[in-house]
């Protein structure tokens, strides 16, 4: 966004009463929280879809088989 646009918005906000400015900030914060949560949900849904995708599952099995010999390399996951 252009800096002059932001300056105009800021000037307009400055003309509001303090209670109206606080209300505006609270509404903006609420919008941002809702937007952030919806993007997290979308990400989680995409991840779940990938996890249930047969092609992805097949690829993971192939990778697991390819690296199965490393499980016997003498290292333990317990430390």
Protein backbone atom coordinates (compact mmCIF):
# COMPACT_ATOMS: atom_id res chain seq x y z
CA UNK A 1 0.00 0.00 0.00
CA UNK A 2 1.24 3.48 -0.85
CA UNK A 3 2.61 5.49 2.10
CA UNK A 4 0.41 8.46 1.20
CA UNK A 5 -2.69 6.27 1.44
CA UNK A 6 -1.60 5.12 4.90
CA UNK A 7 -0.96 8.72 5.92
CA UNK A 8 -4.47 9.70 4.77
CA UNK A 9 -6.00 6.83 6.71
CA UNK A 10 -3.99 7.77 9.78
CA UNK A 11 -5.12 11.41 9.48
CA UNK A 12 -8.76 10.31 9.23
CA UNK A 13 -8.38 8.09 12.27
CA UNK A 14 -6.82 10.99 14.16
CA UNK A 15 -10.05 12.93 13.69
CA UNK A 16 -12.05 10.27 15.50
CA UNK A 17 -12.76 10.50 19.21
CA UNK A 18 -10.58 8.38 21.48
CA UNK A 19 -13.40 5.87 22.17
CA UNK A 20 -14.00 5.52 18.43
CA UNK A 21 -10.27 5.05 17.81
CA UNK A 22 -10.16 2.31 20.45
CA UNK A 23 -13.24 0.66 18.94
CA UNK A 24 -11.61 0.76 15.52
CA UNK A 25 -8.40 -0.81 16.83
CA UNK A 26 -10.39 -3.56 18.57
CA UNK A 27 -12.33 -4.28 15.37
CA UNK A 28 -9.14 -4.40 13.32
CA UNK A 29 -7.50 -6.71 15.85
CA UNK A 30 -10.55 -8.99 15.73
CA UNK A 31 -10.41 -9.12 11.92
CA UNK A 32 -6.72 -9.98 12.01
CA UNK A 33 -7.30 -12.77 14.54
CA UNK A 34 -10.12 -14.25 12.47
CA UNK A 35 -8.00 -14.07 9.32
CA UNK A 36 -5.02 -15.70 11.05
CA UNK A 37 -7.17 -18.51 12.44
CA UNK A 38 -8.80 -19.18 9.10
CA UNK A 39 -5.42 -19.44 7.39
CA UNK A 40 -4.23 -21.86 10.08
CA UNK A 41 -7.35 -23.96 9.59
CA UNK A 42 -6.82 -23.93 5.85
CA UNK A 43 -3.21 -25.04 6.33
CA UNK A 44 -4.27 -27.84 8.66
CA UNK A 45 -6.93 -28.98 6.19
CA UNK A 46 -4.38 -29.01 3.38
CA UNK A 47 -1.96 -31.00 5.51
CA UNK A 48 -4.68 -33.52 6.38
CA UNK A 49 -5.58 -33.86 2.70
CA UNK A 50 -1.95 -34.50 1.83
CA UNK A 51 -1.63 -37.10 4.58
CA UNK A 52 -4.62 -39.03 3.25
CA UNK A 53 -3.52 -38.79 -0.40
CA UNK A 54 -2.65 -42.30 -1.69
CA UNK A 55 0.18 -40.96 -3.86
CA UNK A 56 1.75 -39.19 -0.88
CA UNK A 57 1.36 -42.31 1.25
CA UNK A 58 2.99 -44.44 -1.46
CA UNK A 59 5.90 -41.99 -1.71
CA UNK A 60 6.37 -42.03 2.06
CA UNK A 61 6.45 -45.84 2.06
CA UNK A 62 9.09 -45.77 -0.67
CA UNK A 63 11.20 -43.29 1.28
CA UNK A 64 10.80 -45.39 4.43
CA UNK A 65 11.88 -48.53 2.56
CA UNK A 66 14.84 -46.72 1.03
CA UNK A 67 16.13 -45.63 4.42
CA UNK A 68 15.15 -48.77 6.37
CA UNK A 69 18.79 -49.88 6.52
CA UNK A 70 19.65 -46.81 8.59
CA UNK A 71 17.51 -48.19 11.42
CA UNK A 72 20.17 -50.80 12.03
CA UNK A 73 23.14 -48.41 12.03
CA UNK A 74 23.73 -48.86 15.74
CA UNK A 75 22.22 -45.56 16.79
CA UNK A 76 19.39 -45.43 19.21
CA UNK A 77 16.64 -42.85 19.42
CA UNK A 78 16.94 -43.05 23.23
CA UNK A 79 19.62 -40.84 24.71
